[in-house]
Amino acid sequence: MSERLNHLLVLPRLRIQNANAISSPMTWGFPAMSAFIGAIQALERNLPDETRLIFEGVGVVCHRIEPQVTEGGVIKSFHLTRNPVDKSGNTAAIVEEGRAHLEITLLIGVGSEGEDLGSFESRQALARQIFDQVQGMRIAGGSVMPAMGEKRYRPELISFDDNEDKRKKQWNRLRRRLLPGFALVLRDDRLRAHTEALKAQDANATALDAWLDLSRLNHECHVTVDENDKQQVEWQVRRPFPGWLVPIPVGYGAISDLYQPGEVANARDPNVPFQFVESLYSIGEWVSPHRLRNPDALMWFVENDLERGVYRLGNDYAQTQFEEE
């Protein structure tokens, strides 16, 4: 995202029931960020004609997540539903679906297309209108539950001041509202750095090796000998980088040519071009909002490269967070 945010729509404490917890073929837990990008695109398309706003990106702060899985033990399994019998009277097959209950705050970058965002009253009216509209949507496959009506969790459309000091005060005030919680940001830089570190040890190492290494906890045995020649064994968890790093899907990469509408049988929409793709992966980090220096650091946006067949999401956390250092 080349330009910094001027307006930010805050939709606080949305309670989502039965959101999709299987974010990709290789990851599970919090929904993929592409699900939230899709949600705000659907929201933008369904805005009334007189509401002339453009949504330019989305940030997500998770306050609570409750995966619907069995408790206890090392291996967990999802709670599955028993579907009704089929038309022949036989038991229908069980399709594994992962679900989770969420409580999140959505932060949407807003651009004005002729909409008056100068007055506080007009901004708050728009925020309340959009917040009410979200209550009837589905986000990440889950249902948005009705708001609890707590006054401290009111929606807000913030217009950031051009003065840098005032802008920082506005952001500091918002950061306190987002606590407790964690924001998911992109750490492509961590993946690149760890890939280079592994290649320095083994020339055959790949980005996949680095991704898998960062996705797990590596327990290493350390043996020390004391002054009496007695060995002491200590197991430690090796972490290449500090922080709460997680594997995440970030989009899709093409594995076929782009077919014209109607060329591929049984396509979901025969009126648009079709292309076979596979998931793209990277590393994300959960960061407490109070550590973010500016709102741009948590915003996700579409970053496609159509010539290469890459459809992925971007986030400028690494650039905006450390550019002053």
Protein backbone atom coordinates (compact mmCIF):
# COMPACT_ATOMS: atom_id res chain seq x y z
CA MET A 1 0.00 0.00 0.00
CA SER A 2 1.77 3.10 -1.25
CA GLU A 3 -0.23 5.79 0.56
CA ARG A 4 -0.79 5.90 4.28
CA LEU A 5 -4.26 5.74 5.78
CA ASN A 6 -6.32 8.88 6.12
CA HIS A 7 -9.59 7.33 7.32
CA LEU A 8 -10.10 4.16 9.36
CA LEU A 9 -13.42 2.43 10.04
CA VAL A 10 -13.43 0.51 13.34
CA LEU A 11 -16.02 -2.26 13.77
CA PRO A 12 -15.38 -3.45 17.33
CA ARG A 13 -15.94 -6.76 19.06
CA LEU A 14 -17.73 -8.67 16.30
CA ARG A 15 -18.77 -12.09 17.58
CA ILE A 16 -18.57 -14.71 14.82
CA GLN A 17 -19.99 -18.17 15.37
CA ASN A 18 -18.72 -21.23 13.50
CA ALA A 19 -16.09 -19.47 11.38
CA ASN A 20 -13.98 -21.67 9.12
CA ALA A 21 -10.98 -22.86 11.13
CA ILE A 22 -9.33 -24.77 8.25
CA SER A 23 -7.51 -21.89 6.60
CA SER A 24 -5.69 -23.93 3.91
CA PRO A 25 -4.75 -27.53 3.01
CA MET A 26 -1.80 -27.30 5.43
CA THR A 27 -2.88 -24.94 8.22
CA TRP A 28 -5.73 -24.61 10.67
CA GLY A 29 -6.75 -22.25 13.46
CA PHE A 30 -7.48 -18.62 12.67
CA PRO A 31 -9.24 -18.04 9.31
CA ALA A 32 -7.15 -16.97 6.33
CA MET A 33 -6.86 -13.22 5.82
CA SER A 34 -8.33 -13.68 2.34
CA ALA A 35 -11.63 -14.49 4.07
CA PHE A 36 -11.69 -11.04 5.68
CA ILE A 37 -10.66 -9.34 2.43
CA GLY A 38 -13.59 -11.10 0.76
CA ALA A 39 -15.93 -9.99 3.54
CA ILE A 40 -15.10 -6.29 3.17
CA GLN A 41 -15.37 -6.56 -0.63
CA ALA A 42 -18.86 -8.01 -0.22
CA LEU A 43 -19.68 -5.29 2.29
CA GLU A 44 -18.47 -2.58 -0.10
CA ARG A 45 -20.57 -3.93 -2.96
CA ASN A 46 -23.69 -3.99 -0.78
CA LEU A 47 -23.38 -0.44 0.50
CA PRO A 48 -26.31 1.83 -0.43
CA ASP A 49 -25.84 3.82 -3.63
CA GLU A 50 -25.72 7.09 -1.70
CA THR A 51 -22.78 5.84 0.41
CA ARG A 52 -19.74 6.63 -1.72
CA LEU A 53 -16.88 4.90 0.09
CA ILE A 54 -13.95 2.80 -1.12
CA PHE A 55 -12.47 0.12 1.14
CA GLU A 56 -8.68 0.05 0.73
CA GLY A 57 -7.56 -2.69 3.12
CA VAL A 58 -8.42 -4.54 6.30
CA GLY A 59 -6.78 -5.21 9.64
CA VAL A 60 -7.98 -7.80 12.14
CA VAL A 61 -7.45 -7.87 15.89
CA CYS A 62 -8.47 -11.13 17.55
CA HIS A 63 -9.72 -10.82 21.14
CA ARG A 64 -10.89 -14.41 21.58
CA ILE A 65 -10.83 -17.65 19.63
CA GLU A 66 -12.55 -20.87 20.66
CA PRO A 67 -11.78 -23.77 18.29
CA GLN A 68 -14.48 -26.41 18.27
CA VAL A 69 -12.18 -29.34 19.01
CA THR A 70 -11.93 -32.11 21.54
CA GLU A 71 -10.19 -31.13 24.77
CA GLY A 72 -7.34 -33.00 26.43
CA GLY A 73 -4.49 -35.02 25.00
CA VAL A 74 -1.91 -34.15 22.39
CA ILE A 75 -3.97 -34.96 19.30
CA LYS A 76 -7.21 -33.04 18.88
CA SER A 77 -10.06 -33.52 16.44
CA PHE A 78 -12.80 -31.22 15.21
CA HIS A 79 -16.37 -31.46 16.41
CA LEU A 80 -18.24 -32.76 13.36
CA THR A 81 -21.93 -32.66 12.53
CA ARG A 82 -24.04 -35.66 11.66
CA ASN A 83 -25.91 -34.78 8.48
CA PRO A 84 -29.42 -36.08 7.68
CA VAL A 85 -29.76 -39.28 5.68
CA ASP A 86 -29.64 -39.02 1.91
CA LYS A 87 -32.54 -39.60 -0.50
CA SER A 88 -31.98 -43.36 -0.45
CA GLY A 89 -32.17 -43.50 3.34
CA ASN A 90 -28.49 -44.25 3.83
CA THR A 91 -26.27 -42.37 6.26
CA ALA A 92 -24.67 -39.37 4.58
CA ALA A 93 -20.89 -39.20 4.52
CA ILE A 94 -19.22 -37.02 7.13
CA VAL A 95 -17.22 -34.19 5.58
CA GLU A 96 -14.64 -32.81 7.98
CA GLU A 97 -15.27 -29.15 8.66
CA GLY A 98 -13.29 -27.16 11.20
CA ARG A 99 -15.10 -24.42 13.08
CA ALA A 100 -14.17 -21.80 15.63
CA HIS A 101 -15.98 -19.07 17.54
CA LEU A 102 -14.27 -15.69 17.25
CA GLU A 103 -14.42 -12.25 18.78
CA ILE A 104 -12.61 -9.79 16.53
CA THR A 105 -12.32 -6.11 15.71
CA LEU A 106 -12.25 -5.23 12.01
CA LEU A 107 -10.33 -2.13 10.96
CA ILE A 108 -11.08 -1.07 7.40
CA GLY A 109 -9.08 1.52 5.48
CA VAL A 110 -11.55 3.91 3.90
CA GLY A 111 -11.23 6.21 0.91
CA SER A 112 -13.83 8.79 0.02
CA GLU A 113 -15.36 8.98 -3.46
CA GLY A 114 -17.17 12.24 -2.92
CA GLU A 115 -18.48 11.27 0.52
CA ASP A 116 -18.38 14.01 3.16
CA LEU A 117 -16.08 12.77 5.91
CA GLY A 118 -15.26 16.18 7.30
CA SER A 119 -17.77 16.32 10.15
CA PHE A 120 -17.76 14.09 13.18
CA GLU A 121 -21.54 13.55 12.99
CA SER A 122 -21.49 12.31 9.39
CA ARG A 123 -18.61 9.93 10.12
CA GLN A 124 -20.35 8.44 13.14
CA ALA A 125 -23.60 8.02 11.22
CA LEU A 126 -21.75 6.13 8.48
CA ALA A 127 -19.94 3.96 11.05
CA ARG A 128 -23.22 3.01 12.74
CA GLN A 129 -24.88 2.30 9.39
CA ILE A 130 -22.09 -0.02 8.25
CA PHE A 131 -21.86 -1.67 11.68
CA ASP A 132 -25.57 -2.49 11.55
CA GLN A 133 -25.16 -3.85 8.02
CA VAL A 134 -22.34 -6.17 9.11
CA GLN A 135 -24.64 -7.78 11.70
CA GLY A 136 -26.47 -9.58 8.90
CA MET A 137 -23.36 -10.85 7.09
CA ARG A 138 -21.27 -13.98 7.15
CA ILE A 139 -17.55 -13.55 7.76
CA ALA A 140 -15.06 -16.37 7.13
CA GLY A 141 -18.01 -18.72 6.71
CA GLY A 142 -19.36 -17.91 10.17
CA SER A 143 -22.44 -16.02 11.30
CA VAL A 144 -22.07 -12.59 12.90
CA MET A 145 -23.97 -12.64 16.17
CA PRO A 146 -25.99 -9.59 17.31
CA ALA A 147 -24.03 -6.92 19.14
CA MET A 148 -24.23 -6.96 22.93
CA GLY A 149 -25.08 -3.24 23.03
CA GLU A 150 -22.16 -2.18 25.22
CA LYS A 151 -21.52 1.52 24.79
CA ARG A 152 -17.75 1.17 25.09
CA TYR A 153 -17.74 -1.02 21.96
CA ARG A 154 -19.19 1.56 19.59
CA PRO A 155 -18.22 1.68 15.90
CA GLU A 156 -16.16 4.65 14.80
CA LEU A 157 -14.93 6.20 11.56
CA ILE A 158 -11.67 7.96 12.39
CA SER A 159 -10.28 10.72 10.20
CA PHE A 160 -6.57 11.01 10.95
CA ASP A 161 -5.13 14.47 11.28
CA ASP A 162 -2.40 15.71 8.93
CA ASN A 163 -0.39 16.89 11.91
CA GLU A 164 1.95 14.07 12.91
CA ASP A 165 1.67 14.65 16.67
CA LYS A 166 -2.13 14.72 16.56
CA ARG A 167 -2.15 11.63 14.35
CA LYS A 168 -0.04 9.74 16.91
CA LYS A 169 -2.42 10.76 19.70
CA GLN A 170 -5.38 9.47 17.70
CA TRP A 171 -3.62 6.16 17.08
CA ASN A 172 -2.57 5.81 20.72
CA ARG A 173 -6.18 6.30 21.80
CA LEU A 174 -7.36 3.62 19.37
CA ARG A 175 -4.62 1.17 20.40
CA ARG A 176 -5.91 1.19 23.96
CA ARG A 177 -9.39 0.31 22.70
CA LEU A 178 -7.98 -2.74 20.88
CA LEU A 179 -6.57 -4.30 24.06
CA PRO A 180 -6.53 -7.09 25.03
CA GLY A 181 -6.02 -8.70 21.66
CA PHE A 182 -3.51 -9.63 18.96
CA ALA A 183 -3.20 -8.49 15.36
CA LEU A 184 -1.95 -10.79 12.60
CA VAL A 185 0.78 -9.28 10.40
CA LEU A 186 2.94 -10.60 7.58
CA ARG A 187 6.59 -11.55 8.14
CA ASP A 188 7.94 -12.41 4.70
CA ASP A 189 11.22 -10.92 5.91
CA ARG A 190 11.55 -13.60 8.60
CA LEU A 191 11.00 -16.33 6.03
CA ARG A 192 13.59 -14.89 3.65
CA ALA A 193 16.15 -14.41 6.41
CA HIS A 194 15.71 -17.95 7.74
CA THR A 195 15.92 -19.38 4.22
CA GLU A 196 19.29 -17.68 3.74
CA ALA A 197 20.46 -18.93 7.15
CA LEU A 198 19.59 -22.53 6.27
CA LYS A 199 21.24 -22.23 2.84
CA ALA A 200 24.43 -21.10 4.56
CA GLN A 201 24.41 -24.43 6.42
CA ASP A 202 23.09 -26.57 3.55
CA ALA A 203 23.15 -25.43 -0.07
CA ASN A 204 20.16 -27.69 -0.84
CA ALA A 205 17.88 -25.98 1.69
CA THR A 206 14.74 -24.35 0.29
CA ALA A 207 12.11 -21.88 1.40
CA LEU A 208 9.90 -24.86 2.26
CA ASP A 209 12.50 -26.10 4.74
CA ALA A 210 12.60 -22.65 6.34
CA TRP A 211 8.79 -22.45 6.45
CA LEU A 212 8.51 -25.84 8.14
CA ASP A 213 11.30 -24.98 10.57
CA LEU A 214 9.57 -21.76 11.62
CA SER A 215 6.21 -23.55 11.90
CA ARG A 216 7.26 -25.90 14.67
CA LEU A 217 8.92 -25.92 18.07
CA ASN A 218 12.38 -27.48 17.83
CA HIS A 219 13.58 -29.10 21.06
CA GLU A 220 17.35 -29.40 21.31
CA CYS A 221 19.47 -31.26 23.83
CA HIS A 222 22.26 -29.30 25.52
CA VAL A 223 24.86 -31.23 27.53
CA THR A 224 27.11 -29.42 29.99
CA VAL A 225 29.88 -30.78 32.22
CA ASP A 226 30.33 -29.33 35.69
CA GLU A 227 33.54 -29.06 37.70
CA ASN A 228 33.11 -32.65 38.97
CA ASP A 229 32.96 -34.01 35.40
CA LYS A 230 29.27 -34.73 35.86
CA GLN A 231 27.11 -34.27 32.79
CA GLN A 232 23.93 -32.26 32.98
CA VAL A 233 21.35 -32.59 30.24
CA GLU A 234 18.95 -29.77 29.49
CA TRP A 235 16.31 -29.63 26.76
CA GLN A 236 15.67 -26.21 25.26
CA VAL A 237 13.32 -24.91 22.60
CA ARG A 238 15.21 -23.38 19.70
CA ARG A 239 13.58 -20.26 18.28
CA PRO A 240 15.38 -18.53 15.38
CA PHE A 241 13.43 -15.30 15.97
CA PRO A 242 11.55 -13.78 18.90
CA GLY A 243 7.81 -13.31 18.67
CA TRP A 244 4.75 -15.46 18.09
CA LEU A 245 5.33 -16.73 14.54
CA VAL A 246 2.74 -18.88 12.74
CA PRO A 247 2.41 -20.42 9.25
CA ILE A 248 -0.32 -18.72 7.22
CA PRO A 249 -1.78 -18.89 3.69
CA VAL A 250 -1.39 -15.61 1.80
CA GLY A 251 -3.14 -16.29 -1.50
CA TYR A 252 -2.97 -18.47 -4.58
CA GLY A 253 -0.54 -19.22 -7.40
CA ALA A 254 -1.55 -20.34 -10.88
CA ILE A 255 -0.72 -23.90 -11.97
CA SER A 256 -2.45 -23.70 -15.35
CA ASP A 257 -3.15 -21.28 -18.15
CA LEU A 258 -5.99 -18.78 -17.87
CA TYR A 259 -9.04 -20.26 -19.60
CA GLN A 260 -11.72 -18.15 -21.18
CA PRO A 261 -15.27 -18.17 -19.74
CA GLY A 262 -17.08 -21.43 -20.44
CA GLU A 263 -13.97 -23.44 -21.46
CA VAL A 264 -13.79 -25.42 -18.20
CA ALA A 265 -16.76 -27.65 -17.42
CA ASN A 266 -18.51 -27.35 -14.04
CA ALA A 267 -16.83 -24.06 -13.16
CA ARG A 268 -18.60 -22.17 -10.38
CA ASP A 269 -19.21 -19.14 -12.59
CA PRO A 270 -19.17 -19.83 -16.37
CA ASN A 271 -19.14 -16.10 -17.16
CA VAL A 272 -15.65 -15.29 -15.82
CA PRO A 273 -12.17 -16.56 -16.78
CA PHE A 274 -10.97 -19.69 -14.97
CA GLN A 275 -7.54 -20.77 -13.73
CA PHE A 276 -6.35 -23.68 -11.61
CA VAL A 277 -4.38 -22.50 -8.56
CA GLU A 278 -2.75 -23.77 -5.40
CA SER A 279 -2.26 -22.11 -2.03
CA LEU A 280 0.69 -19.83 -1.32
CA TYR A 281 2.19 -19.79 2.17
CA SER A 282 4.28 -17.47 4.26
CA ILE A 283 4.95 -16.65 7.90
CA GLY A 284 2.76 -14.39 10.02
CA GLU A 285 3.21 -12.94 13.48
CA TRP A 286 0.68 -12.17 16.20
CA VAL A 287 1.48 -8.75 17.62
CA SER A 288 -0.19 -6.90 20.45
CA PRO A 289 -1.71 -3.63 19.12
CA HIS A 290 0.14 -1.54 21.69
CA ARG A 291 3.40 -2.43 19.91
CA LEU A 292 2.24 -1.09 16.53
CA ARG A 293 3.62 2.36 15.77
CA ASN A 294 0.95 3.29 13.22
CA PRO A 295 -2.29 1.87 11.79
CA ASP A 296 -0.69 1.16 8.40
CA ALA A 297 1.33 -1.68 10.00
CA LEU A 298 -1.69 -3.95 10.50
CA MET A 299 -3.50 -3.36 7.19
CA TRP A 300 -3.75 -6.17 4.62
CA PHE A 301 -4.41 -5.43 0.95
CA VAL A 302 -4.57 -7.20 -2.42
CA GLU A 303 -1.21 -7.47 -4.16
CA ASN A 304 -1.75 -9.43 -7.39
CA ASP A 305 0.70 -10.07 -10.22
CA LEU A 306 -1.53 -11.16 -13.09
CA GLU A 307 1.35 -11.74 -15.53
CA ARG A 308 2.90 -14.31 -13.20
CA GLY A 309 -0.46 -15.74 -12.12
CA VAL A 310 0.05 -14.73 -8.49
CA TYR A 311 -3.01 -13.74 -6.48
CA ARG A 312 -1.87 -12.90 -3.00
CA LEU A 313 -2.23 -10.50 -0.09
CA GLY A 314 0.33 -8.05 1.23
CA ASN A 315 1.01 -6.31 4.51
CA ASP A 316 3.56 -3.55 5.19
CA TYR A 317 4.26 -4.36 8.84
CA ALA A 318 8.00 -5.03 8.37
CA GLN A 319 8.42 -1.85 6.30
CA THR A 320 6.30 0.58 8.33
CA GLN A 321 7.19 -0.75 11.76
CA PHE A 322 10.95 -0.55 11.40
CA GLU A 323 11.40 2.24 8.86
CA GLU A 324 12.25 4.70 11.64
CA GLU A 325 14.94 2.49 13.12
